[in-house]
Protein backbone atom coordinates (compact mmCIF):
# COMPACT_ATOMS: atom_id res chain seq x y z
CA UNK A 1 0.00 -0.01 0.00
CA UNK A 2 1.44 3.34 -1.03
CA UNK A 3 1.31 6.64 0.85
CA UNK A 4 -1.00 9.25 -0.62
CA UNK A 5 0.31 12.73 -1.18
CA UNK A 6 -1.99 15.72 -1.35
CA UNK A 7 -1.86 17.86 -4.48
CA UNK A 8 -2.64 21.57 -4.62
CA UNK A 9 -5.42 21.13 -7.19
CA UNK A 10 -7.15 18.44 -5.06
CA UNK A 11 -7.21 20.29 -1.73
CA UNK A 12 -10.71 20.97 -0.36
CA UNK A 13 -10.87 23.81 2.14
CA UNK A 14 -13.54 23.80 4.83
CA UNK A 15 -14.54 26.63 7.21
CA UNK A 16 -14.27 26.29 10.96
CA UNK A 17 -15.39 28.53 13.83
CA UNK A 18 -13.35 28.53 17.09
CA UNK A 19 -14.85 30.19 20.17
CA UNK A 20 -12.03 31.60 22.24
CA UNK A 21 -14.15 32.80 25.20
CA UNK A 22 -12.52 31.88 28.53
CA UNK A 23 -9.71 29.89 26.92
CA UNK A 24 -5.96 30.55 27.19
CA UNK A 25 -4.47 32.47 24.24
CA UNK A 26 -1.65 30.00 23.57
CA UNK A 27 -3.94 26.98 23.48
CA UNK A 28 -6.37 28.67 21.09
CA UNK A 29 -3.42 29.72 18.86
CA UNK A 30 -2.00 26.19 18.80
CA UNK A 31 -5.30 24.68 17.66
CA UNK A 32 -5.92 27.38 15.08
CA UNK A 33 -2.39 27.12 13.66
CA UNK A 34 -2.76 23.36 13.32
CA UNK A 35 -6.07 23.80 11.41
CA UNK A 36 -4.58 26.47 9.17
CA UNK A 37 -1.77 24.07 8.26
CA UNK A 38 -4.18 21.17 7.69
CA UNK A 39 -2.61 18.88 10.28
CA UNK A 40 -6.04 17.61 11.31
CA UNK A 41 -6.67 16.09 7.89
CA UNK A 42 -5.89 12.54 6.96
CA UNK A 43 -4.03 13.49 3.76
CA UNK A 44 -1.79 16.11 5.36
CA UNK A 45 1.35 16.68 3.31
CA UNK A 46 4.11 18.83 4.74
CA UNK A 47 5.15 20.58 1.58
CA UNK A 48 1.59 21.32 0.30
CA UNK A 49 -0.71 24.01 1.69
CA UNK A 50 -3.73 21.91 2.57
CA UNK A 51 -5.17 23.87 5.46
CA UNK A 52 -8.69 25.18 6.10
CA UNK A 53 -10.21 28.59 6.75
CA UNK A 54 -10.59 29.42 10.47
CA UNK A 55 -12.80 32.08 12.11
CA UNK A 56 -11.99 32.95 15.72
CA UNK A 57 -14.79 34.64 17.66
CA UNK A 58 -14.79 36.26 21.10
CA UNK A 59 -11.15 37.25 20.90
CA UNK A 60 -11.76 39.93 23.53
CA UNK A 61 -12.67 37.19 26.07
CA UNK A 62 -9.46 35.17 25.65
CA UNK A 63 -7.39 34.94 28.83
CA UNK A 64 -3.64 35.18 29.53
CA UNK A 65 -2.47 33.05 32.42
CA UNK A 66 -0.10 34.20 35.14
CA UNK A 67 1.18 37.75 35.08
CA UNK A 68 1.43 37.96 31.28
CA UNK A 69 -0.93 40.92 31.11
CA UNK A 70 1.62 43.06 33.00
CA UNK A 71 4.94 41.45 31.96
CA UNK A 72 4.40 40.58 28.31
CA UNK A 73 4.98 43.23 25.64
CA UNK A 74 4.27 43.50 21.91
CA UNK A 75 7.49 45.07 20.50
CA UNK A 76 7.94 46.65 17.09
CA UNK A 77 10.80 48.62 15.61
CA UNK A 78 10.59 50.97 12.62
CA UNK A 79 14.26 50.66 11.72
CA UNK A 80 15.01 54.22 12.64
CA UNK A 81 16.93 55.45 15.66
CA UNK A 82 14.51 55.65 18.58
CA UNK A 83 11.86 53.74 16.62
CA UNK A 84 11.24 51.07 19.26
CA UNK A 85 7.63 50.77 20.41
CA UNK A 86 6.52 48.62 23.29
CA UNK A 87 2.85 47.95 24.04
CA UNK A 88 1.91 46.08 27.17
CA UNK A 89 -0.50 43.18 26.59
CA UNK A 90 -3.00 44.64 29.05
CA UNK A 91 -3.35 47.62 26.72
CA UNK A 92 -3.21 45.49 23.55
CA UNK A 93 -6.03 43.20 24.83
CA UNK A 94 -8.10 46.28 25.78
CA UNK A 95 -7.70 48.08 22.44
CA UNK A 96 -6.98 45.37 19.76
CA UNK A 97 -7.62 41.83 20.96
CA UNK A 98 -7.76 40.60 17.35
CA UNK A 99 -4.11 41.63 16.89
CA UNK A 100 -3.06 39.64 19.96
CA UNK A 101 -4.68 36.46 18.59
CA UNK A 102 -3.23 37.00 15.15
CA UNK A 103 0.30 37.48 16.57
CA UNK A 104 -0.02 34.29 18.67
CA UNK A 105 -1.15 32.27 15.66
CA UNK A 106 1.54 33.79 13.38
CA UNK A 107 4.22 32.78 15.88
CA UNK A 108 3.15 29.13 15.55
CA UNK A 109 3.10 29.00 11.73
CA UNK A 110 6.18 28.29 9.64
CA UNK A 111 8.06 31.32 8.37
CA UNK A 112 7.89 30.44 4.66
CA UNK A 113 5.45 30.73 1.79
CA UNK A 114 3.06 28.13 3.26
CA UNK A 115 2.84 30.09 6.50
CA UNK A 116 2.28 33.38 4.73
CA UNK A 117 -0.58 32.03 2.67
CA UNK A 118 -2.03 30.16 5.70
CA UNK A 119 -2.32 33.30 7.82
CA UNK A 120 -4.50 34.89 5.13
CA UNK A 121 -7.16 32.27 5.83
CA UNK A 122 -7.48 33.40 9.46
CA UNK A 123 -10.36 35.71 10.36
CA UNK A 124 -10.49 37.08 13.93
CA UNK A 125 -13.42 38.90 15.50
CA UNK A 126 -13.60 40.44 18.97
CA UNK A 127 -17.35 39.74 19.39
CA UNK A 128 -19.53 36.67 18.87
CA UNK A 129 -20.73 37.83 15.44
CA UNK A 130 -18.96 37.24 12.10
CA UNK A 131 -19.99 37.87 8.50
CA UNK A 132 -19.09 34.47 7.04
CA UNK A 133 -22.45 32.66 7.35
CA UNK A 134 -22.58 32.15 3.59
CA UNK A 135 -19.59 29.79 3.79
CA UNK A 136 -21.46 27.51 6.27
CA UNK A 137 -18.67 27.28 8.87
CA UNK A 138 -18.65 24.37 11.30
CA UNK A 139 -18.17 25.02 15.03
CA UNK A 140 -14.99 23.40 16.37
CA UNK A 141 -15.93 21.12 19.24
CA UNK A 142 -12.54 19.64 20.03
CA UNK A 143 -10.51 20.17 23.19
CA UNK A 144 -8.67 23.44 23.64
């Protein structure tokens, strides 16, 4: 019996909804990154982008364990002298919780062309409503 390899033209992409309310940020990000890669599928192939679309709702209700709200920072640098910007996660979660979820998922994806195309299939919403009902997404019921 031979091993089947997924081909780009044969990949079928489904839509999934992940509810992040009351769940740790890292656990949600790990599950979402795995679904974006397609690791939950039987015909997962490492060098082929065979992942699904993922919608994360209730990003504003995700929790950070320990003292991460005070001690963790989102750091960016413009490349210019004095261009370092540090935003505490307490402020980031209060103003842009979608960005915090996207950063956590991006950190768990590979830094190559497959990772860059996978992150485009991620949709994050701070509330319980999303505008992708036409795609008939399925609610993720697995363990997070």
